Amino acid sequence: MAVRNVHERLPSARSDQAGSIRIVIRAATPADLDAVADLHSRTRTSYYRGRLPDALLDDPAERARCHAAWEHALARPDGGVLCAVRDGAVAAVASFRTPRGAARTAAAPARAAATVPRDVTLHQFHVDPEHWRSGIGSGLHDACVTAWQTASRSTAHLEVFWHNQRARAFYARHGWQPDAAHRPAPDDTHLRLTLAVPLACGNALSAAPVVPSVEETPAHRAN
């Protein structure tokens, strides 16, 4: 999916620092791989610590699997990876993709009208814990929605860790609802959510900047 770069200025979170901090939301590249994988590992630890064994969270093999998964995500033709860069450092990342077969659809425009997928799945969405409550998460979420609108997606799906109340509250503020078609079982560890992607308002959306809120933004796993 084509993604435009978004430049934002957010108020500084430090009371002793005047001015603003420059945020750029853009498509991630292979050069971001190490930073993205490290961010994922740190945020994953922040919400699973105490619920999964420390040995698993701190296992180098688990970190290697995380690195390999992001390498694969960056190379996929049927999805997108966006990152929010704060003063040159990756502060948040999101990964989403369309159903299987979407890449083949793009290569066959004659059948596109009949087979173009309408759904998209948000597989990963993480904000560095140091930047919660900064608006970075909201800005990145808005950029994801803009990408889905551009690609004519109508419904987004995700799974969020049941005990991650911060993430669940974040999603609720951004319009996500429990998936009525997949009600959780008593022993489920994740909750399925859906979002009705709002329609773009003509050409005004693509020209308008994404303006993030300054509310709390979570780090969470959506896979």
Protein backbone atom coordinates (compact mmCIF):
# COMPACT_ATOMS: atom_id res chain seq x y z
CA MET A 1 0.00 0.00 0.00
CA ALA A 2 1.31 3.44 -0.85
CA VAL A 3 1.95 5.58 2.20
CA ARG A 4 2.72 9.27 2.31
CA ASN A 5 5.15 10.73 4.84
CA VAL A 6 3.57 12.80 7.58
CA HIS A 7 5.47 15.49 9.45
CA GLU A 8 4.11 16.51 12.84
CA ARG A 9 5.09 18.79 15.66
CA LEU A 10 4.05 17.55 19.10
CA PRO A 11 4.38 19.44 22.36
CA SER A 12 7.42 18.40 24.35
CA ALA A 13 6.64 16.00 27.17
CA ARG A 14 9.33 17.61 29.33
CA SER A 15 8.16 20.58 31.35
CA ASP A 16 11.62 22.10 31.35
CA GLN A 17 11.92 22.14 27.57
CA ALA A 18 10.17 24.73 25.43
CA GLY A 19 9.22 24.30 21.80
CA SER A 20 8.20 21.11 20.02
CA ILE A 21 9.56 17.75 18.90
CA ARG A 22 9.60 16.74 15.25
CA ILE A 23 7.74 13.54 14.41
CA VAL A 24 7.84 11.88 10.98
CA ILE A 25 5.48 9.02 10.13
CA ARG A 26 6.67 7.08 7.10
CA ALA A 27 6.95 3.68 5.51
CA ALA A 28 9.56 1.59 7.29
CA THR A 29 12.52 0.31 5.27
CA PRO A 30 14.98 -2.56 5.73
CA ALA A 31 17.35 -0.02 7.29
CA ASP A 32 14.88 0.28 10.19
CA LEU A 33 14.83 -3.47 10.89
CA ASP A 34 17.08 -3.54 13.97
CA ALA A 35 15.39 -0.54 15.57
CA VAL A 36 11.89 -1.90 14.90
CA ALA A 37 12.69 -5.38 16.24
CA ASP A 38 14.28 -3.90 19.35
CA LEU A 39 11.25 -1.66 19.94
CA HIS A 40 8.92 -4.65 19.60
CA SER A 41 10.93 -6.70 22.09
CA ARG A 42 10.95 -3.89 24.66
CA THR A 43 7.25 -3.12 24.39
CA ARG A 44 6.32 -6.79 24.41
CA THR A 45 8.23 -7.19 27.66
CA SER A 46 6.41 -4.21 29.19
CA TYR A 47 2.96 -5.78 28.96
CA TYR A 48 3.78 -9.49 29.22
CA ARG A 49 6.13 -9.23 32.22
CA GLY A 50 4.45 -11.02 35.11
CA ARG A 51 2.12 -12.96 32.79
CA LEU A 52 4.71 -14.92 30.83
CA PRO A 53 7.86 -16.52 32.25
CA ASP A 54 10.84 -14.16 32.41
CA ALA A 55 12.96 -16.86 30.81
CA LEU A 56 10.78 -16.68 27.70
CA LEU A 57 10.68 -12.89 27.53
CA ASP A 58 14.45 -12.63 27.95
CA ASP A 59 15.33 -15.57 25.70
CA PRO A 60 17.75 -14.54 22.90
CA ALA A 61 16.04 -17.09 20.62
CA GLU A 62 12.73 -15.26 21.12
CA ARG A 63 14.36 -11.98 20.16
CA ALA A 64 15.83 -13.63 17.08
CA ARG A 65 12.37 -14.86 16.07
CA CYS A 66 11.04 -11.34 16.52
CA HIS A 67 13.80 -9.96 14.29
CA ALA A 68 13.09 -12.56 11.60
CA ALA A 69 9.35 -11.85 11.71
CA TRP A 70 9.90 -8.14 11.11
CA GLU A 71 12.34 -8.88 8.32
CA HIS A 72 9.61 -10.93 6.67
CA ALA A 73 6.98 -8.23 7.26
CA LEU A 74 9.15 -5.59 5.61
CA ALA A 75 9.53 -7.78 2.52
CA ARG A 76 5.87 -8.74 2.08
CA PRO A 77 4.13 -7.37 -1.04
CA ASP A 78 0.65 -7.62 0.48
CA GLY A 79 1.00 -5.29 3.44
CA GLY A 80 2.66 -2.27 4.92
CA VAL A 81 4.90 -1.30 7.80
CA LEU A 82 4.74 2.27 9.10
CA CYS A 83 6.97 3.80 11.71
CA ALA A 84 6.87 7.02 13.70
CA VAL A 85 10.31 8.58 13.96
CA ARG A 86 10.95 11.03 16.79
CA ASP A 87 14.02 13.17 16.33
CA GLY A 88 15.64 10.47 14.20
CA ALA A 89 14.77 7.46 16.38
CA VAL A 90 11.95 4.95 15.79
CA ALA A 91 9.36 5.55 18.53
CA ALA A 92 6.43 3.49 17.24
CA VAL A 93 5.70 0.93 14.55
CA ALA A 94 2.66 -0.68 12.92
CA SER A 95 2.35 -3.64 10.56
CA PHE A 96 -0.74 -4.56 8.55
CA ARG A 97 -1.61 -6.66 5.55
CA THR A 98 -4.45 -7.75 3.33
CA PRO A 99 -5.81 -11.30 2.95
CA ARG A 100 -3.82 -13.87 1.04
CA GLY A 101 -3.98 -13.34 -2.70
CA ALA A 102 -4.00 -9.54 -2.58
CA ALA A 103 -0.59 -9.31 -4.21
CA ARG A 104 -1.74 -11.47 -7.07
CA THR A 105 -4.77 -9.21 -7.50
CA ALA A 106 -2.51 -6.22 -7.98
CA ALA A 107 -0.78 -8.05 -10.81
CA ALA A 108 -4.07 -8.80 -12.56
CA PRO A 109 -5.90 -5.46 -12.98
CA ALA A 110 -8.50 -6.99 -15.33
CA ARG A 111 -9.90 -8.95 -12.38
CA ALA A 112 -9.29 -6.27 -9.75
CA ALA A 113 -12.86 -4.98 -9.57
CA ALA A 114 -14.17 -8.42 -8.72
CA THR A 115 -11.41 -9.66 -6.41
CA VAL A 116 -9.88 -6.66 -4.62
CA PRO A 117 -9.91 -7.39 -0.88
CA ARG A 118 -11.94 -5.08 1.34
CA ASP A 119 -10.44 -6.13 4.68
CA VAL A 120 -7.09 -5.46 6.29
CA THR A 121 -5.54 -6.90 9.45
CA LEU A 122 -3.45 -4.84 11.85
CA HIS A 123 -0.92 -7.42 13.04
CA GLN A 124 1.44 -5.30 15.09
CA PHE A 125 1.17 -1.89 16.75
CA HIS A 126 3.77 -0.80 19.28
CA VAL A 127 4.71 2.48 20.93
CA ASP A 128 7.91 2.87 22.92
CA PRO A 129 6.88 3.03 26.62
CA GLU A 130 9.03 6.14 26.97
CA HIS A 131 6.65 7.92 24.59
CA TRP A 132 3.27 6.93 25.96
CA ARG A 133 0.93 9.90 26.38
CA SER A 134 2.82 11.84 23.70
CA GLY A 135 0.31 11.52 20.83
CA ILE A 136 2.69 9.41 18.74
CA GLY A 137 0.43 6.36 18.88
CA SER A 138 -2.62 8.32 17.79
CA GLY A 139 -0.69 9.87 14.92
CA LEU A 140 0.53 6.47 13.76
CA HIS A 141 -2.98 5.03 14.00
CA ASP A 142 -4.33 7.90 11.90
CA ALA A 143 -1.65 7.22 9.28
CA CYS A 144 -2.68 3.55 9.15
CA VAL A 145 -6.31 4.54 8.61
CA THR A 146 -5.29 6.92 5.83
CA ALA A 147 -3.36 4.11 4.12
CA TRP A 148 -6.39 1.82 4.38
CA GLN A 149 -8.66 4.48 2.94
CA THR A 150 -6.28 5.02 0.04
CA ALA A 151 -6.30 1.28 -0.64
CA SER A 152 -10.14 1.16 -0.45
CA ARG A 153 -10.23 -1.08 2.61
CA SER A 154 -13.56 -1.00 4.44
CA THR A 155 -12.94 -3.09 7.57
CA ALA A 156 -9.86 -3.56 9.75
CA HIS A 157 -9.27 -6.42 12.18
CA LEU A 158 -6.88 -7.10 15.04
CA GLU A 159 -6.32 -9.20 18.14
CA VAL A 160 -5.26 -7.54 21.39
CA PHE A 161 -3.92 -9.20 24.53
CA TRP A 162 -6.86 -9.52 26.93
CA HIS A 163 -4.99 -8.11 29.95
CA ASN A 164 -3.53 -5.14 28.07
CA GLN A 165 -6.09 -2.64 29.33
CA ARG A 166 -4.04 0.30 28.08
CA ALA A 167 -4.20 -0.99 24.51
CA ARG A 168 -7.88 -1.86 24.75
CA ALA A 169 -8.71 1.64 25.97
CA PHE A 170 -6.63 3.15 23.16
CA TYR A 171 -8.49 1.12 20.55
CA ALA A 172 -11.87 2.02 22.02
CA ARG A 173 -11.01 5.72 21.76
CA HIS A 174 -10.18 5.21 18.09
CA GLY A 175 -13.44 3.50 17.19
CA TRP A 176 -12.58 -0.20 17.44
CA GLN A 177 -15.33 -2.54 18.61
CA PRO A 178 -15.39 -6.19 19.77
CA ASP A 179 -15.86 -8.52 16.80
CA ALA A 180 -19.39 -9.85 17.16
CA ALA A 181 -18.55 -12.74 14.84
CA HIS A 182 -15.74 -13.97 17.12
CA ARG A 183 -16.84 -13.73 20.72
CA PRO A 184 -14.08 -14.70 23.17
CA ALA A 185 -14.13 -18.06 24.90
CA PRO A 186 -13.48 -18.15 28.67
CA ASP A 187 -9.90 -19.30 28.16
CA ASP A 188 -9.00 -16.93 25.30
CA THR A 189 -5.91 -14.77 25.83
CA HIS A 190 -6.74 -12.26 23.07
CA LEU A 191 -9.78 -10.22 22.13
CA ARG A 192 -10.73 -9.69 18.49
CA LEU A 193 -11.67 -6.17 17.46
CA THR A 194 -12.90 -4.59 14.22
CA LEU A 195 -12.89 -1.07 12.86
CA ALA A 196 -15.21 0.27 10.17
CA VAL A 197 -12.72 2.30 8.13
CA PRO A 198 -14.30 5.73 7.57
CA LEU A 199 -14.74 6.92 4.02
CA ALA A 200 -12.29 9.48 2.71
CA CYS A 201 -13.85 12.90 2.12
CA GLY A 202 -12.92 13.45 -1.51
CA ASN A 203 -9.43 14.78 -2.00
CA ALA A 204 -9.46 16.75 1.23
CA LEU A 205 -8.16 13.81 3.27
CA SER A 206 -5.00 13.29 1.26
CA ALA A 207 -4.13 16.98 1.49
CA ALA A 208 -4.86 17.36 5.20
CA PRO A 209 -2.21 16.56 7.82
CA VAL A 210 -2.76 13.79 10.32
CA VAL A 211 -3.22 15.53 13.66
CA PRO A 212 -2.57 13.18 16.58
CA SER A 213 -4.18 13.68 19.96
CA VAL A 214 -2.08 14.08 23.07
CA GLU A 215 -3.92 11.33 24.95
CA GLU A 216 -2.35 8.16 26.28
CA THR A 217 -0.95 5.88 23.59
CA PRO A 218 -0.26 2.19 24.25
CA ALA A 219 2.29 -0.35 23.24
CA HIS A 220 0.67 -3.66 22.50
CA ARG A 221 0.66 -6.81 20.46
CA ALA A 222 -1.98 -7.14 17.76
CA ASN A 223 -1.09 -10.49 16.31
